[in-house]
Amino acid sequence: MRVRAIALTALLLCVPGWAHAEQTLIKPTDDYCATPDSTADLAKKPVPDLKLVLSSKDLQFCSYSGEGLSEINKSWAKKNEILAYPAQLEFKDTVELIQAYSRIKSKFDVKFATIPNAMAVLARKANIIDRYVLYNKKYLCGIQNYTGSKWADDSVFAHEVGHHLANHTLSAGSRPYFELQADWFSGFILQRMGAPVDGATIVLGKMLEHQYRSGNAETLTSRTHPQPEDRIAAVAEGWSYACEQDPKCDL
């Protein structure tokens, strides 16, 4: 199976000096998962600095695991609104690092929010369009603890950044092919950041493993998100493509 994200590949390879760039950036530490949890953070700042109305007309997004408007509104949102708060510095640094490795600068803000996991969001208000990468800190720290991998949150954030760089949120949000493109981009960027291929695929692999153990593997496939096996293959292909361009990488 070949799911190479052609649009993303062309975008990346047109950046001057990309293929031979020295990777000198340093990944932030992962100490943020040892800090007080998100509920404590919110207690210190009870008023959110952003509210996003859950409307298919005004809000388009790509979520990491496939949740739709109705599910988010029922289980996570407050009065039909997503509440967002300033991101922890470490998470903002991670997203900036991913953009630096892509050599493509896209303007969007990073925020902690009342959502299930992570998502790339486009919000419309009158003639103004704002872009966000939103995340649930407990989810990200949970997958880091569950996988035991320092690359877990990087792979999720790289996936959401990929959605923005490919302008997927301009096209009504998640679709199976868009998700495979974002997965491909995640694998590509994580190889550039120094992750091994199993580090790039570990989150999706553990998600699939957990669902099989619980007997609910079919719940990971939906009209917007493809089978986990296909997503893992897309991540691995993106990683391999980056490795082919890296003289220091062995397949």
Protein backbone atom coordinates (compact mmCIF):
# COMPACT_ATOMS: atom_id res chain seq x y z
CA MET A 1 0.00 0.00 0.00
CA ARG A 2 1.25 3.47 -0.92
CA VAL A 3 -0.36 6.40 0.83
CA ARG A 4 2.38 8.95 0.22
CA ALA A 5 1.02 12.43 0.93
CA ILE A 6 1.98 14.02 -2.38
CA ALA A 7 0.87 17.55 -1.49
CA LEU A 8 2.80 17.54 1.77
CA THR A 9 5.84 15.97 0.15
CA ALA A 10 5.98 18.62 -2.57
CA LEU A 11 5.53 21.35 -0.01
CA LEU A 12 8.37 20.08 2.15
CA LEU A 13 10.80 19.36 -0.65
CA CYS A 14 10.38 22.81 -2.21
CA VAL A 15 11.84 24.41 0.91
CA PRO A 16 15.45 25.47 0.18
CA GLY A 17 18.05 23.29 1.84
CA TRP A 18 15.47 20.96 3.33
CA ALA A 19 16.87 17.60 2.30
CA HIS A 20 20.36 18.31 3.65
CA ALA A 21 19.51 20.47 6.65
CA GLU A 22 21.36 19.65 9.85
CA GLN A 23 18.99 18.76 12.65
CA THR A 24 20.31 20.75 15.60
CA LEU A 25 17.08 21.59 17.44
CA ILE A 26 16.60 20.05 20.86
CA LYS A 27 13.36 18.46 21.98
CA PRO A 28 11.87 19.99 25.15
CA THR A 29 11.87 17.92 28.32
CA ASP A 30 8.78 15.90 29.22
CA ASP A 31 8.56 17.08 32.84
CA TYR A 32 5.16 18.68 32.23
CA CYS A 33 3.40 15.38 32.85
CA ALA A 34 4.75 15.44 36.39
CA THR A 35 3.22 18.87 37.09
CA PRO A 36 -0.22 19.37 38.69
CA ASP A 37 -3.00 18.10 36.47
CA SER A 38 -5.16 20.20 34.22
CA THR A 39 -8.03 20.59 36.70
CA ALA A 40 -5.67 22.29 39.11
CA ASP A 41 -4.42 24.53 36.31
CA LEU A 42 -7.99 25.49 35.44
CA ALA A 43 -8.84 26.19 39.09
CA LYS A 44 -6.21 28.93 39.05
CA LYS A 45 -7.77 30.46 35.95
CA PRO A 46 -11.53 29.82 36.01
CA VAL A 47 -12.22 32.13 33.06
CA PRO A 48 -11.14 30.74 29.65
CA ASP A 49 -9.45 33.10 27.22
CA LEU A 50 -11.28 31.56 24.25
CA LYS A 51 -14.73 30.08 23.63
CA LEU A 52 -15.49 28.24 20.40
CA VAL A 53 -19.13 27.65 19.55
CA LEU A 54 -19.80 24.10 18.35
CA SER A 55 -21.36 24.87 14.99
CA SER A 56 -20.75 23.07 11.70
CA LYS A 57 -21.05 26.45 9.99
CA ASP A 58 -18.46 28.28 12.09
CA LEU A 59 -16.13 25.49 13.24
CA GLN A 60 -14.26 22.94 11.14
CA PHE A 61 -11.78 20.54 12.65
CA CYS A 62 -9.82 17.32 12.31
CA SER A 63 -9.71 15.30 15.53
CA TYR A 64 -7.06 12.71 16.28
CA SER A 65 -9.45 9.84 16.98
CA GLY A 66 -12.57 10.77 15.03
CA GLU A 67 -14.94 12.45 17.48
CA GLY A 68 -17.64 14.57 15.85
CA LEU A 69 -19.51 17.69 16.91
CA SER A 70 -22.35 15.82 18.62
CA GLU A 71 -20.03 13.58 20.64
CA ILE A 72 -17.85 16.48 21.77
CA ASN A 73 -20.89 18.55 22.68
CA LYS A 74 -22.46 15.70 24.66
CA SER A 75 -19.42 14.61 26.67
CA TRP A 76 -16.91 17.45 26.69
CA ALA A 77 -18.21 20.88 25.77
CA LYS A 78 -19.88 23.33 28.13
CA LYS A 79 -23.19 24.77 26.89
CA ASN A 80 -22.34 24.03 23.27
CA GLU A 81 -18.92 25.68 23.57
CA ILE A 82 -15.35 24.42 23.63
CA LEU A 83 -13.52 26.27 26.40
CA ALA A 84 -9.84 26.93 25.73
CA TYR A 85 -7.04 28.08 28.00
CA PRO A 86 -3.41 29.17 27.51
CA ALA A 87 -1.21 26.21 26.62
CA GLN A 88 1.55 24.93 28.86
CA LEU A 89 4.85 26.30 27.58
CA GLU A 90 6.25 22.83 26.92
CA PHE A 91 3.39 21.95 24.58
CA LYS A 92 3.74 25.23 22.70
CA ASP A 93 7.46 24.55 22.37
CA THR A 94 6.74 21.10 20.95
CA VAL A 95 4.44 22.50 18.26
CA GLU A 96 6.96 25.22 17.38
CA LEU A 97 9.66 22.57 17.14
CA ILE A 98 7.56 20.53 14.73
CA GLN A 99 7.03 23.61 12.56
CA ALA A 100 10.75 24.35 12.65
CA TYR A 101 11.55 20.86 11.38
CA SER A 102 8.99 21.22 8.61
CA ARG A 103 10.59 24.54 7.57
CA ILE A 104 7.05 25.81 6.92
CA LYS A 105 5.54 28.48 9.12
CA SER A 106 1.79 28.45 9.52
CA LYS A 107 0.04 30.84 11.88
CA PHE A 108 -2.07 29.12 14.51
CA ASP A 109 -2.37 29.22 18.28
CA VAL A 110 -1.94 26.29 20.68
CA LYS A 111 -4.35 25.91 23.59
CA PHE A 112 -5.51 23.47 26.24
CA ALA A 113 -9.23 22.82 25.76
CA THR A 114 -12.28 20.84 26.81
CA ILE A 115 -11.93 18.21 24.08
CA PRO A 116 -11.29 14.42 24.10
CA ASN A 117 -7.72 14.35 22.76
CA ALA A 118 -6.27 16.74 20.13
CA MET A 119 -7.53 18.51 17.05
CA ALA A 120 -6.65 21.02 14.34
CA VAL A 121 -9.36 23.69 14.32
CA LEU A 122 -10.47 26.42 11.94
CA ALA A 123 -12.90 28.93 13.46
CA ARG A 124 -14.85 31.44 11.39
CA LYS A 125 -16.30 34.66 12.78
CA ALA A 126 -17.68 37.12 10.23
CA ASN A 127 -14.80 37.49 7.73
CA ILE A 128 -12.11 36.44 10.20
CA ILE A 129 -10.56 32.97 10.23
CA ASP A 130 -8.50 31.74 13.17
CA ARG A 131 -6.59 28.47 13.38
CA TYR A 132 -5.80 26.48 16.49
CA VAL A 133 -4.17 23.29 17.67
CA LEU A 134 -6.18 22.24 20.71
CA TYR A 135 -5.29 19.46 23.13
CA ASN A 136 -6.35 17.73 26.32
CA LYS A 137 -3.34 17.59 28.61
CA LYS A 138 -4.57 14.55 30.55
CA TYR A 139 -4.97 12.65 27.28
CA LEU A 140 -1.46 13.50 26.09
CA CYS A 141 0.13 12.67 29.43
CA GLY A 142 -1.97 9.51 29.57
CA ILE A 143 -0.71 8.21 26.23
CA GLN A 144 2.84 9.12 27.21
CA ASN A 145 2.50 7.06 30.38
CA TYR A 146 0.67 4.23 28.60
CA THR A 147 3.17 3.95 25.75
CA GLY A 148 6.24 4.68 27.86
CA SER A 149 7.55 6.70 24.91
CA LYS A 150 8.85 10.25 24.92
CA TRP A 151 7.66 10.54 21.30
CA ALA A 152 3.97 9.96 22.03
CA ASP A 153 2.85 13.59 22.30
CA ASP A 154 5.13 14.61 19.42
CA SER A 155 3.40 12.16 17.08
CA VAL A 156 -0.05 13.49 18.01
CA PHE A 157 0.95 17.14 17.65
CA ALA A 158 2.74 16.46 14.34
CA HIS A 159 -0.44 14.86 13.03
CA GLU A 160 -2.49 17.97 13.87
CA VAL A 161 0.15 20.36 12.48
CA GLY A 162 0.07 18.31 9.27
CA HIS A 163 -3.66 18.96 8.97
CA HIS A 164 -3.05 22.71 9.12
CA LEU A 165 -0.13 22.71 6.68
CA ALA A 166 -2.22 20.76 4.16
CA ASN A 167 -5.26 23.04 4.74
CA HIS A 168 -7.51 20.10 5.58
CA THR A 169 -9.69 22.22 7.85
CA LEU A 170 -10.63 24.36 4.85
CA SER A 171 -12.30 21.28 3.35
CA ALA A 172 -14.86 20.43 6.04
CA GLY A 173 -12.50 18.57 8.35
CA SER A 174 -11.60 14.92 8.80
CA ARG A 175 -11.78 12.44 5.93
CA PRO A 176 -9.97 9.11 5.68
CA TYR A 177 -7.49 10.33 3.05
CA PHE A 178 -6.78 13.53 5.00
CA GLU A 179 -6.07 11.47 8.11
CA LEU A 180 -3.61 9.29 6.20
CA GLN A 181 -1.86 12.41 4.89
CA ALA A 182 -1.55 13.80 8.41
CA ASP A 183 -0.28 10.42 9.66
CA TRP A 184 2.29 10.35 6.83
CA PHE A 185 3.45 13.83 7.80
CA SER A 186 3.73 12.79 11.44
CA GLY A 187 6.04 9.92 10.51
CA PHE A 188 8.09 12.16 8.22
CA ILE A 189 8.62 14.83 10.87
CA LEU A 190 9.33 12.42 13.70
CA GLN A 191 12.14 10.85 11.68
CA ARG A 192 13.60 14.33 11.23
CA MET A 193 13.31 14.89 14.97
CA GLY A 194 15.29 11.71 15.63
CA ALA A 195 12.54 9.24 16.51
CA PRO A 196 12.89 5.57 15.54
CA VAL A 197 10.08 4.17 13.42
CA ASP A 198 8.53 2.38 16.39
CA GLY A 199 8.52 5.69 18.27
CA ALA A 200 6.64 7.31 15.39
CA THR A 201 3.98 4.56 15.26
CA ILE A 202 3.66 3.72 18.94
CA VAL A 203 0.56 5.77 19.75
CA LEU A 204 -1.59 4.26 16.99
CA GLY A 205 -0.14 0.84 17.71
CA LYS A 206 -1.04 1.02 21.39
CA MET A 207 -4.49 2.41 20.59
CA LEU A 208 -5.12 -0.60 18.37
CA GLU A 209 -3.69 -3.02 20.93
CA HIS A 210 -5.90 -1.58 23.66
CA GLN A 211 -9.05 -1.79 21.54
CA TYR A 212 -8.33 -5.38 20.53
CA ARG A 213 -7.91 -6.33 24.18
CA SER A 214 -11.21 -4.70 25.04
CA GLY A 215 -12.95 -6.27 22.03
CA ASN A 216 -13.75 -2.86 20.49
CA ALA A 217 -11.22 -2.59 17.67
CA GLU A 218 -13.93 -1.70 15.18
CA THR A 219 -14.64 1.57 17.05
CA LEU A 220 -11.36 3.02 15.77
CA THR A 221 -12.67 2.99 12.19
CA SER A 222 -15.31 5.50 11.10
CA ARG A 223 -16.53 7.49 8.10
CA THR A 224 -13.84 10.09 8.88
CA HIS A 225 -10.95 7.90 10.07
CA PRO A 226 -9.48 4.83 8.33
CA GLN A 227 -8.49 1.52 9.86
CA PRO A 228 -5.70 1.81 12.45
CA GLU A 229 -3.54 -0.61 10.46
CA ASP A 230 -3.68 1.76 7.49
CA ARG A 231 -2.83 4.74 9.70
CA ILE A 232 0.17 2.92 11.16
CA ALA A 233 1.33 2.05 7.63
CA ALA A 234 1.01 5.72 6.60
CA VAL A 235 3.14 6.86 9.55
CA ALA A 236 5.76 4.22 8.76
CA GLU A 237 5.82 5.25 5.10
CA GLY A 238 6.34 8.91 5.98
CA TRP A 239 9.15 7.91 8.32
CA SER A 240 10.77 5.74 5.63
CA TYR A 241 10.54 8.51 3.03
CA ALA A 242 12.36 10.91 5.36
CA CYS A 243 14.91 8.21 6.16
CA GLU A 244 15.67 7.74 2.44
CA GLN A 245 16.75 11.40 2.28
CA ASP A 246 18.82 11.21 5.46
CA PRO A 247 22.36 9.88 4.90
CA LYS A 248 22.62 9.06 8.60
CA CYS A 249 19.48 6.92 8.63
CA ASP A 250 19.38 3.17 8.04
CA LEU A 251 16.15 1.54 6.89
